[in-house]
Amino acid sequence: MAKELVDAVGMRRVLTRISYEIIEKNKGLSDIVIVGIKTRGIYLAQRIAKRIDQLEGVSVPVGELDISLYRDDRHEMGTDLAQVNGSTLPVDINGKHVVLVDDVLFTGRTTRAAMEALIKLGRPRKISLAVLVDRGHRELPIRADFVGKNIPTSLKEQIRVSVAEVDGKDAIDIEDL
């Protein structure tokens, strides 16, 4: 049974805080590109960019990154390479500061795959990571630069992020496996 940890209002606050942190750590937003990792990271990236525009009046480009080809566990997951949907970057990322956005940081393997996919598309000056939830249990030496919520979990628990665009609601839930 799932237990809701964060509701829609709380999620909006968390994304606003991440947006403020991105603004504060980057003097000037002209070289920023926000890239969401498919699937839910895309919608979170779009929301962060919209909030930055509301706060600063600066339109930050938002891209989408499909990491299916770069996952080291794609065979275990049964990923069919013929179904990869591709990535979309609205600007050249060479020399830019790319902020990767994902819903949950767990082992670090998704982030590793995302960095590999991103580097195949160009050479950013810097890559930062923004996550809605950091649940711990890293298998790779990866750390998020912008964290919405730290939610320590056991390996017998799962964090489920719901976004209205995909799931019909905004929420962060925890459930036993």
N, C-alpha and C. Protein backbone atom coordinates (compact mmCIF):
# COMPACT_ATOMS: atom_id res chain seq x y z
N MET A 1 0.84 -1.18 0.00
CA MET A 1 0.00 0.00 0.00
C MET A 1 0.88 1.25 0.00
N ALA A 2 0.55 2.20 -0.86
CA ALA A 2 1.35 3.42 -0.99
C ALA A 2 0.91 4.46 0.04
N LYS A 3 1.89 5.21 0.51
CA LYS A 3 1.63 6.32 1.43
C LYS A 3 2.12 7.59 0.75
N GLU A 4 1.24 8.60 0.67
CA GLU A 4 1.62 9.86 0.03
C GLU A 4 2.51 10.67 0.97
N LEU A 5 3.68 11.04 0.47
CA LEU A 5 4.63 11.84 1.24
C LEU A 5 4.54 13.32 0.89
N VAL A 6 4.27 13.60 -0.38
CA VAL A 6 4.19 14.98 -0.87
C VAL A 6 3.00 15.07 -1.82
N ASP A 7 2.16 16.08 -1.61
CA ASP A 7 1.00 16.28 -2.48
C ASP A 7 1.35 17.30 -3.58
N ALA A 8 0.36 17.67 -4.37
CA ALA A 8 0.59 18.59 -5.49
C ALA A 8 1.13 19.93 -5.04
N VAL A 9 0.60 20.47 -3.95
CA VAL A 9 1.07 21.78 -3.45
C VAL A 9 2.52 21.66 -2.99
N GLY A 10 2.83 20.60 -2.26
CA GLY A 10 4.21 20.39 -1.81
C GLY A 10 5.17 20.21 -2.97
N MET A 11 4.72 19.52 -4.01
CA MET A 11 5.57 19.32 -5.19
C MET A 11 5.85 20.65 -5.88
N ARG A 12 4.85 21.50 -5.96
CA ARG A 12 5.03 22.82 -6.57
C ARG A 12 6.06 23.63 -5.77
N ARG A 13 5.98 23.56 -4.45
CA ARG A 13 6.95 24.27 -3.59
C ARG A 13 8.36 23.76 -3.81
N VAL A 14 8.50 22.43 -3.89
CA VAL A 14 9.82 21.82 -4.10
C VAL A 14 10.42 22.28 -5.43
N LEU A 15 9.62 22.28 -6.49
CA LEU A 15 10.11 22.70 -7.80
C LEU A 15 10.45 24.19 -7.82
N THR A 16 9.70 24.98 -7.07
CA THR A 16 10.01 26.41 -6.96
C THR A 16 11.35 26.59 -6.26
N ARG A 17 11.60 25.82 -5.20
CA ARG A 17 12.87 25.92 -4.47
C ARG A 17 14.04 25.51 -5.37
N ILE A 18 13.88 24.44 -6.13
CA ILE A 18 14.93 24.02 -7.07
C ILE A 18 15.18 25.13 -8.08
N SER A 19 14.12 25.75 -8.57
CA SER A 19 14.25 26.85 -9.55
C SER A 19 15.06 28.00 -8.96
N TYR A 20 14.73 28.39 -7.73
CA TYR A 20 15.49 29.45 -7.05
C TYR A 20 16.96 29.07 -6.90
N GLU A 21 17.23 27.82 -6.53
CA GLU A 21 18.62 27.38 -6.35
C GLU A 21 19.39 27.44 -7.66
N ILE A 22 18.75 27.05 -8.76
CA ILE A 22 19.41 27.13 -10.07
C ILE A 22 19.73 28.58 -10.40
N ILE A 23 18.79 29.48 -10.14
CA ILE A 23 19.00 30.91 -10.40
C ILE A 23 20.16 31.43 -9.54
N GLU A 24 20.15 31.11 -8.26
CA GLU A 24 21.17 31.62 -7.33
C GLU A 24 22.57 31.10 -7.65
N LYS A 25 22.69 29.86 -8.08
CA LYS A 25 24.01 29.29 -8.34
C LYS A 25 24.55 29.65 -9.72
N ASN A 26 23.74 30.29 -10.53
CA ASN A 26 24.16 30.65 -11.89
C ASN A 26 23.93 32.13 -12.11
N LYS A 27 24.97 32.87 -12.01
CA LYS A 27 24.86 34.31 -12.23
C LYS A 27 24.64 34.54 -13.72
N GLY A 28 23.41 34.84 -14.05
CA GLY A 28 23.06 34.94 -15.46
C GLY A 28 22.64 33.58 -15.97
N LEU A 29 21.57 33.53 -16.70
CA LEU A 29 21.02 32.26 -17.15
C LEU A 29 21.18 32.05 -18.65
N SER A 30 22.01 32.86 -19.29
CA SER A 30 22.11 32.82 -20.75
C SER A 30 22.72 31.52 -21.28
N ASP A 31 23.56 30.86 -20.50
CA ASP A 31 24.20 29.63 -20.97
C ASP A 31 23.58 28.38 -20.39
N ILE A 32 22.41 28.49 -19.77
CA ILE A 32 21.75 27.34 -19.14
C ILE A 32 20.83 26.65 -20.15
N VAL A 33 20.89 25.33 -20.16
CA VAL A 33 19.95 24.50 -20.90
C VAL A 33 19.45 23.45 -19.91
N ILE A 34 18.14 23.34 -19.77
CA ILE A 34 17.57 22.35 -18.87
C ILE A 34 17.12 21.16 -19.71
N VAL A 35 17.57 19.97 -19.30
CA VAL A 35 17.27 18.75 -20.07
C VAL A 35 16.64 17.72 -19.15
N GLY A 36 15.42 17.33 -19.47
CA GLY A 36 14.71 16.33 -18.69
C GLY A 36 14.99 14.94 -19.21
N ILE A 37 15.18 14.01 -18.28
CA ILE A 37 15.38 12.61 -18.62
C ILE A 37 14.02 11.96 -18.74
N LYS A 38 13.78 11.31 -19.89
CA LYS A 38 12.47 10.67 -20.12
C LYS A 38 12.19 9.66 -19.03
N THR A 39 11.02 9.61 -18.52
CA THR A 39 9.81 10.28 -18.95
C THR A 39 9.46 11.44 -18.02
N ARG A 40 9.38 11.19 -16.74
CA ARG A 40 8.89 12.22 -15.82
C ARG A 40 9.84 13.40 -15.68
N GLY A 41 11.12 13.19 -15.89
CA GLY A 41 12.08 14.28 -15.81
C GLY A 41 11.80 15.38 -16.82
N ILE A 42 11.20 15.02 -17.95
CA ILE A 42 10.87 16.01 -18.98
C ILE A 42 9.86 17.01 -18.44
N TYR A 43 8.83 16.51 -17.81
CA TYR A 43 7.77 17.40 -17.30
C TYR A 43 8.27 18.24 -16.13
N LEU A 44 9.13 17.66 -15.30
CA LEU A 44 9.72 18.43 -14.21
C LEU A 44 10.63 19.52 -14.76
N ALA A 45 11.40 19.21 -15.80
CA ALA A 45 12.29 20.20 -16.44
C ALA A 45 11.46 21.35 -17.02
N GLN A 46 10.36 21.02 -17.67
CA GLN A 46 9.51 22.06 -18.24
C GLN A 46 8.94 22.97 -17.16
N ARG A 47 8.56 22.38 -16.04
CA ARG A 47 8.01 23.18 -14.93
C ARG A 47 9.07 24.09 -14.31
N ILE A 48 10.29 23.56 -14.18
CA ILE A 48 11.39 24.37 -13.63
C ILE A 48 11.67 25.55 -14.56
N ALA A 49 11.75 25.28 -15.86
CA ALA A 49 12.01 26.35 -16.83
C ALA A 49 10.90 27.39 -16.80
N LYS A 50 9.66 26.95 -16.69
CA LYS A 50 8.52 27.89 -16.62
C LYS A 50 8.62 28.74 -15.36
N ARG A 51 9.00 28.13 -14.25
CA ARG A 51 9.11 28.88 -12.99
C ARG A 51 10.26 29.89 -13.06
N ILE A 52 11.38 29.50 -13.67
CA ILE A 52 12.50 30.43 -13.84
C ILE A 52 12.06 31.62 -14.69
N ASP A 53 11.29 31.34 -15.74
CA ASP A 53 10.78 32.42 -16.59
C ASP A 53 9.87 33.36 -15.79
N GLN A 54 9.01 32.79 -14.94
CA GLN A 54 8.13 33.61 -14.10
C GLN A 54 8.93 34.46 -13.12
N LEU A 55 9.98 33.89 -12.56
CA LEU A 55 10.77 34.59 -11.54
C LEU A 55 11.75 35.60 -12.13
N GLU A 56 12.38 35.26 -13.24
CA GLU A 56 13.45 36.08 -13.79
C GLU A 56 13.14 36.72 -15.14
N GLY A 57 12.07 36.28 -15.77
CA GLY A 57 11.75 36.81 -17.10
C GLY A 57 12.71 36.32 -18.16
N VAL A 58 13.33 35.16 -17.92
CA VAL A 58 14.29 34.58 -18.85
C VAL A 58 13.76 33.23 -19.32
N SER A 59 13.66 33.06 -20.62
CA SER A 59 13.21 31.80 -21.19
C SER A 59 14.42 30.88 -21.36
N VAL A 60 14.46 29.83 -20.58
CA VAL A 60 15.56 28.87 -20.63
C VAL A 60 15.15 27.71 -21.54
N PRO A 61 16.01 27.33 -22.51
CA PRO A 61 15.66 26.22 -23.39
C PRO A 61 15.54 24.91 -22.61
N VAL A 62 14.58 24.07 -23.03
CA VAL A 62 14.34 22.79 -22.38
C VAL A 62 14.44 21.69 -23.42
N GLY A 63 15.24 20.66 -23.10
CA GLY A 63 15.38 19.52 -23.99
C GLY A 63 14.90 18.25 -23.34
N GLU A 64 14.82 17.20 -24.16
CA GLU A 64 14.40 15.87 -23.71
C GLU A 64 15.50 14.89 -24.04
N LEU A 65 15.79 14.01 -23.08
CA LEU A 65 16.85 13.04 -23.27
C LEU A 65 16.32 11.63 -23.05
N ASP A 66 16.45 10.80 -24.08
CA ASP A 66 16.08 9.39 -23.99
C ASP A 66 17.38 8.62 -23.77
N ILE A 67 17.47 7.94 -22.65
CA ILE A 67 18.72 7.25 -22.29
C ILE A 67 18.65 5.74 -22.53
N SER A 68 17.60 5.27 -23.17
CA SER A 68 17.38 3.82 -23.34
C SER A 68 18.60 3.09 -23.89
N LEU A 69 19.24 3.67 -24.90
CA LEU A 69 20.40 3.01 -25.52
C LEU A 69 21.62 2.98 -24.61
N TYR A 70 21.64 3.82 -23.58
CA TYR A 70 22.83 3.98 -22.76
C TYR A 70 22.72 3.30 -21.40
N ARG A 71 21.57 2.70 -21.11
CA ARG A 71 21.40 2.02 -19.82
C ARG A 71 22.23 0.75 -19.82
N ASP A 72 22.91 0.48 -18.71
CA ASP A 72 23.68 -0.76 -18.62
C ASP A 72 22.81 -1.94 -18.20
N ASP A 73 21.53 -1.68 -17.90
CA ASP A 73 20.63 -2.75 -17.49
C ASP A 73 19.48 -2.95 -18.49
N ARG A 74 19.64 -2.45 -19.71
CA ARG A 74 18.53 -2.50 -20.67
C ARG A 74 18.15 -3.94 -21.03
N HIS A 75 19.10 -4.86 -21.00
CA HIS A 75 18.79 -6.25 -21.32
C HIS A 75 17.97 -6.88 -20.20
N GLU A 76 18.29 -6.54 -18.97
CA GLU A 76 17.54 -7.03 -17.82
C GLU A 76 16.13 -6.47 -17.82
N MET A 77 15.98 -5.23 -18.28
CA MET A 77 14.68 -4.56 -18.27
C MET A 77 13.84 -4.94 -19.49
N GLY A 78 14.45 -5.65 -20.45
CA GLY A 78 13.73 -6.03 -21.65
C GLY A 78 13.50 -4.88 -22.60
N THR A 79 14.36 -3.87 -22.57
CA THR A 79 14.20 -2.72 -23.44
C THR A 79 14.44 -3.12 -24.90
N ASP A 80 13.50 -2.82 -25.74
CA ASP A 80 13.61 -3.09 -27.17
C ASP A 80 14.24 -1.87 -27.83
N LEU A 81 15.43 -2.04 -28.37
CA LEU A 81 16.14 -0.91 -28.94
C LEU A 81 15.41 -0.29 -30.12
N ALA A 82 14.54 -1.03 -30.78
CA ALA A 82 13.80 -0.48 -31.91
C ALA A 82 12.74 0.52 -31.45
N GLN A 83 12.45 0.55 -30.16
CA GLN A 83 11.40 1.43 -29.65
C GLN A 83 11.96 2.71 -29.02
N VAL A 84 13.23 2.96 -29.14
CA VAL A 84 13.80 4.17 -28.57
C VAL A 84 13.23 5.38 -29.28
N ASN A 85 12.75 6.35 -28.51
CA ASN A 85 12.07 7.50 -29.07
C ASN A 85 12.99 8.66 -29.42
N GLY A 86 14.23 8.63 -28.98
CA GLY A 86 15.17 9.69 -29.33
C GLY A 86 15.18 10.84 -28.34
N SER A 87 16.08 11.76 -28.60
CA SER A 87 16.27 12.92 -27.75
C SER A 87 16.06 14.18 -28.57
N THR A 88 15.65 15.23 -27.90
CA THR A 88 15.42 16.51 -28.56
C THR A 88 16.09 17.60 -27.76
N LEU A 89 17.06 18.27 -28.37
CA LEU A 89 17.70 19.41 -27.74
C LEU A 89 17.44 20.64 -28.60
N PRO A 90 16.84 21.68 -28.01
CA PRO A 90 16.44 22.84 -28.81
C PRO A 90 17.60 23.75 -29.21
N VAL A 91 18.75 23.58 -28.57
CA VAL A 91 19.92 24.40 -28.87
C VAL A 91 21.17 23.53 -28.84
N ASP A 92 22.24 24.05 -29.41
CA ASP A 92 23.54 23.40 -29.36
C ASP A 92 24.02 23.45 -27.90
N ILE A 93 24.40 22.30 -27.33
CA ILE A 93 24.82 22.27 -25.93
C ILE A 93 26.32 22.48 -25.74
N ASN A 94 27.07 22.59 -26.83
CA ASN A 94 28.50 22.83 -26.71
C ASN A 94 28.76 24.13 -25.96
N GLY A 95 29.56 24.04 -24.89
CA GLY A 95 29.91 25.21 -24.11
C GLY A 95 28.82 25.70 -23.17
N LYS A 96 27.71 24.99 -23.10
CA LYS A 96 26.59 25.40 -22.24
C LYS A 96 26.66 24.69 -20.89
N HIS A 97 25.93 25.24 -19.93
CA HIS A 97 25.74 24.57 -18.64
C HIS A 97 24.42 23.82 -18.74
N VAL A 98 24.49 22.50 -18.76
CA VAL A 98 23.30 21.66 -18.87
C VAL A 98 22.88 21.20 -17.48
N VAL A 99 21.62 21.45 -17.15
CA VAL A 99 21.05 20.95 -15.91
C VAL A 99 20.16 19.77 -16.28
N LEU A 100 20.64 18.56 -15.93
CA LEU A 100 19.85 17.35 -16.13
C LEU A 100 18.80 17.28 -15.04
N VAL A 101 17.57 16.91 -15.39
CA VAL A 101 16.49 16.82 -14.42
C VAL A 101 15.90 15.41 -14.46
N ASP A 102 15.76 14.82 -13.27
CA ASP A 102 15.13 13.50 -13.15
C ASP A 102 14.23 13.49 -11.93
N ASP A 103 13.35 12.51 -11.88
CA ASP A 103 12.42 12.46 -10.76
C ASP A 103 13.07 11.88 -9.50
N VAL A 104 13.74 10.74 -9.61
CA VAL A 104 14.32 10.08 -8.44
C VAL A 104 15.77 9.72 -8.70
N LEU A 105 16.63 10.02 -7.74
CA LEU A 105 18.02 9.56 -7.77
C LEU A 105 18.13 8.40 -6.80
N PHE A 106 18.53 7.25 -7.33
CA PHE A 106 18.61 6.03 -6.53
C PHE A 106 20.03 5.48 -6.64
N THR A 107 20.29 4.61 -7.58
CA THR A 107 21.61 3.98 -7.70
C THR A 107 22.62 4.88 -8.40
N GLY A 108 22.14 5.80 -9.23
CA GLY A 108 23.03 6.65 -10.02
C GLY A 108 23.19 6.17 -11.45
N ARG A 109 22.66 5.01 -11.75
CA ARG A 109 22.84 4.43 -13.09
C ARG A 109 22.09 5.21 -14.18
N THR A 110 20.92 5.73 -13.87
CA THR A 110 20.19 6.55 -14.85
C THR A 110 20.99 7.82 -15.16
N THR A 111 21.54 8.43 -14.13
CA THR A 111 22.33 9.66 -14.33
C THR A 111 23.57 9.37 -15.15
N ARG A 112 24.24 8.26 -14.87
CA ARG A 112 25.42 7.88 -15.65
C ARG A 112 25.04 7.72 -17.12
N ALA A 113 23.95 7.03 -17.39
CA ALA A 113 23.50 6.83 -18.76
C ALA A 113 23.14 8.16 -19.41
N ALA A 114 22.52 9.05 -18.65
CA ALA A 114 22.14 10.37 -19.18
C ALA A 114 23.38 11.18 -19.55
N MET A 115 24.40 11.14 -18.72
CA MET A 115 25.62 11.88 -19.04
C MET A 115 26.27 11.33 -20.30
N GLU A 116 26.28 10.02 -20.45
CA GLU A 116 26.85 9.41 -21.65
C GLU A 116 26.06 9.82 -22.89
N ALA A 117 24.73 9.78 -22.80
CA ALA A 117 23.88 10.18 -23.93
C ALA A 117 24.09 11.65 -24.27
N LEU A 118 24.20 12.49 -23.25
CA LEU A 118 24.37 13.92 -23.45
C LEU A 118 25.71 14.22 -24.14
N ILE A 119 26.75 13.55 -23.72
CA ILE A 119 28.08 13.80 -24.28
C ILE A 119 28.16 13.33 -25.74
N LYS A 120 27.32 12.36 -26.11
CA LYS A 120 27.26 11.95 -27.52
C LYS A 120 26.65 13.06 -28.39
N LEU A 121 25.89 13.96 -27.75
CA LEU A 121 25.21 15.03 -28.48
C LEU A 121 25.98 16.35 -28.50
N GLY A 122 27.03 16.44 -27.70
CA GLY A 122 27.81 17.67 -27.65
C GLY A 122 28.71 17.68 -26.43
N ARG A 123 29.42 18.79 -26.28
CA ARG A 123 30.33 18.90 -25.15
C ARG A 123 29.94 20.10 -24.29
N PRO A 124 29.10 19.84 -23.27
CA PRO A 124 28.72 20.94 -22.39
C PRO A 124 29.91 21.43 -21.58
N ARG A 125 29.87 22.70 -21.21
CA ARG A 125 30.90 23.27 -20.33
C ARG A 125 30.79 22.66 -18.94
N LYS A 126 29.53 22.42 -18.52
CA LYS A 126 29.27 21.88 -17.19
C LYS A 126 27.96 21.11 -17.23
N ILE A 127 27.88 20.05 -16.43
CA ILE A 127 26.63 19.30 -16.27
C ILE A 127 26.30 19.30 -14.78
N SER A 128 25.08 19.72 -14.45
CA SER A 128 24.57 19.65 -13.08
C SER A 128 23.38 18.71 -13.08
N LEU A 129 23.04 18.23 -11.89
CA LEU A 129 21.92 17.31 -11.75
C LEU A 129 20.91 17.86 -10.76
N ALA A 130 19.65 17.93 -11.20
CA ALA A 130 18.54 18.33 -10.33
C ALA A 130 17.58 17.14 -10.24
N VAL A 131 17.25 16.75 -9.00
CA VAL A 131 16.31 15.65 -8.80
C VAL A 131 15.22 16.06 -7.84
N LEU A 132 14.05 15.55 -8.07
CA LEU A 132 12.94 15.82 -7.16
C LEU A 132 13.16 15.08 -5.84
N VAL A 133 13.61 13.82 -5.93
CA VAL A 133 13.81 13.00 -4.74
C VAL A 133 15.17 12.30 -4.80
N ASP A 134 15.93 12.39 -3.72
CA ASP A 134 17.15 11.59 -3.55
C ASP A 134 16.85 10.58 -2.46
N ARG A 135 16.85 9.31 -2.83
CA ARG A 135 16.49 8.27 -1.85
C ARG A 135 17.69 7.48 -1.33
N GLY A 136 18.90 7.84 -1.77
CA GLY A 136 20.08 7.14 -1.28
C GLY A 136 20.36 5.86 -2.04
N HIS A 137 21.20 5.01 -1.46
CA HIS A 137 21.56 3.68 -2.00
C HIS A 137 22.36 3.75 -3.30
N ARG A 138 23.27 4.71 -3.40
CA ARG A 138 24.05 4.89 -4.62
C ARG A 138 24.96 3.69 -4.88
N GLU A 139 25.05 3.29 -6.14
CA GLU A 139 25.98 2.28 -6.60
C GLU A 139 27.14 2.91 -7.36
N LEU A 140 26.95 4.15 -7.78
CA LEU A 140 27.96 4.90 -8.51
C LEU A 140 28.20 6.22 -7.78
N PRO A 141 29.40 6.79 -7.92
CA PRO A 141 29.71 8.05 -7.20
C PRO A 141 29.06 9.27 -7.86
N ILE A 142 27.74 9.37 -7.71
CA ILE A 142 26.98 10.45 -8.33
C ILE A 142 26.21 11.16 -7.24
N ARG A 143 26.23 12.51 -7.31
CA ARG A 143 25.56 13.35 -6.31
C ARG A 143 24.78 14.42 -7.05
N ALA A 144 23.58 14.70 -6.56
CA ALA A 144 22.76 15.74 -7.18
C ALA A 144 23.20 17.12 -6.68
N ASP A 145 23.16 18.10 -7.57
CA ASP A 145 23.48 19.48 -7.22
C ASP A 145 22.26 20.20 -6.65
N PHE A 146 21.09 19.80 -7.10
CA PHE A 146 19.84 20.40 -6.65
C PHE A 146 18.89 19.28 -6.27
N VAL A 147 18.49 19.23 -5.00
CA VAL A 147 17.64 18.15 -4.49
C VAL A 147 16.37 18.75 -3.91
N GLY A 148 15.24 18.24 -4.37
CA GLY A 148 13.97 18.69 -3.83
C GLY A 148 13.72 18.12 -2.45
N LYS A 149 13.78 16.80 -2.34
CA LYS A 149 13.55 16.12 -1.06
C LYS A 149 14.53 14.97 -0.91
N ASN A 150 15.14 14.87 0.27
CA ASN A 150 15.90 13.68 0.63
C ASN A 150 14.96 12.76 1.37
N ILE A 151 14.71 11.59 0.82
CA ILE A 151 13.81 10.63 1.45
C ILE A 151 14.56 9.31 1.59
N PRO A 152 15.19 9.09 2.76
CA PRO A 152 15.88 7.83 2.97
C PRO A 152 14.89 6.66 2.92
N THR A 153 15.29 5.62 2.22
CA THR A 153 14.41 4.46 2.07
C THR A 153 15.20 3.19 2.36
N SER A 154 14.46 2.11 2.57
CA SER A 154 15.10 0.79 2.61
C SER A 154 15.05 0.24 1.19
N LEU A 155 15.80 -0.80 0.94
CA LEU A 155 15.78 -1.42 -0.38
C LEU A 155 14.47 -2.15 -0.64
N LYS A 156 13.66 -2.31 0.39
CA LYS A 156 12.36 -2.96 0.25
C LYS A 156 11.24 -1.95 0.02
N GLU A 157 11.62 -0.68 -0.19
CA GLU A 157 10.65 0.36 -0.45
C GLU A 157 10.91 0.96 -1.83
N GLN A 158 9.88 1.57 -2.36
CA GLN A 158 9.99 2.22 -3.66
C GLN A 158 9.37 3.61 -3.56
N ILE A 159 10.02 4.57 -4.21
CA ILE A 159 9.47 5.92 -4.32
C ILE A 159 8.80 6.01 -5.68
N ARG A 160 7.57 6.48 -5.69
CA ARG A 160 6.84 6.65 -6.95
C ARG A 160 6.48 8.13 -7.09
N VAL A 161 7.00 8.75 -8.14
CA VAL A 161 6.66 10.14 -8.44
C VAL A 161 5.58 10.13 -9.50
N SER A 162 4.51 10.83 -9.24
CA SER A 162 3.42 10.98 -10.20
C SER A 162 3.40 12.43 -10.68
N VAL A 163 3.26 12.60 -11.99
CA VAL A 163 3.12 13.95 -12.56
C VAL A 163 1.80 13.98 -13.33
N ALA A 164 1.12 15.09 -13.24
CA ALA A 164 -0.21 15.21 -13.83
C ALA A 164 -0.22 14.89 -15.33
N GLU A 165 0.84 15.27 -16.03
CA GLU A 165 0.90 15.06 -17.48
C GLU A 165 0.88 13.58 -17.88
N VAL A 166 1.37 12.72 -17.00
CA VAL A 166 1.44 11.28 -17.28
C VAL A 166 0.44 10.50 -16.43
N ASP A 167 0.36 10.86 -15.16
CA ASP A 167 -0.37 10.06 -14.18
C ASP A 167 -1.69 10.66 -13.73
N GLY A 168 -1.99 11.87 -14.17
CA GLY A 168 -3.24 12.50 -13.79
C GLY A 168 -3.22 13.21 -12.45
N LYS A 169 -2.09 13.17 -11.74
CA LYS A 169 -1.96 13.86 -10.46
C LYS A 169 -0.49 14.11 -10.18
N ASP A 170 -0.23 15.05 -9.28
CA ASP A 170 1.13 15.32 -8.80
C ASP A 170 1.24 14.78 -7.39
N ALA A 171 2.22 13.93 -7.15
CA ALA A 171 2.42 13.38 -5.81
C ALA A 171 3.74 12.62 -5.75
N ILE A 172 4.23 12.46 -4.53
CA ILE A 172 5.36 11.57 -4.27
C ILE A 172 4.88 10.58 -3.23
N ASP A 173 4.91 9.29 -3.60
CA ASP A 173 4.44 8.22 -2.72
C ASP A 173 5.58 7.27 -2.40
N ILE A 174 5.45 6.59 -1.26
CA ILE A 174 6.38 5.53 -0.90
C ILE A 174 5.55 4.27 -0.69
N GLU A 175 6.09 3.15 -1.15
CA GLU A 175 5.37 1.89 -0.98
C GLU A 175 6.35 0.75 -0.79
N ASP A 176 5.88 -0.28 -0.13
CA ASP A 176 6.68 -1.48 0.06
C ASP A 176 6.64 -2.32 -1.21
N LEU A 177 7.77 -2.93 -1.52
CA LEU A 177 7.83 -3.81 -2.70
C LEU A 177 7.28 -5.18 -2.39
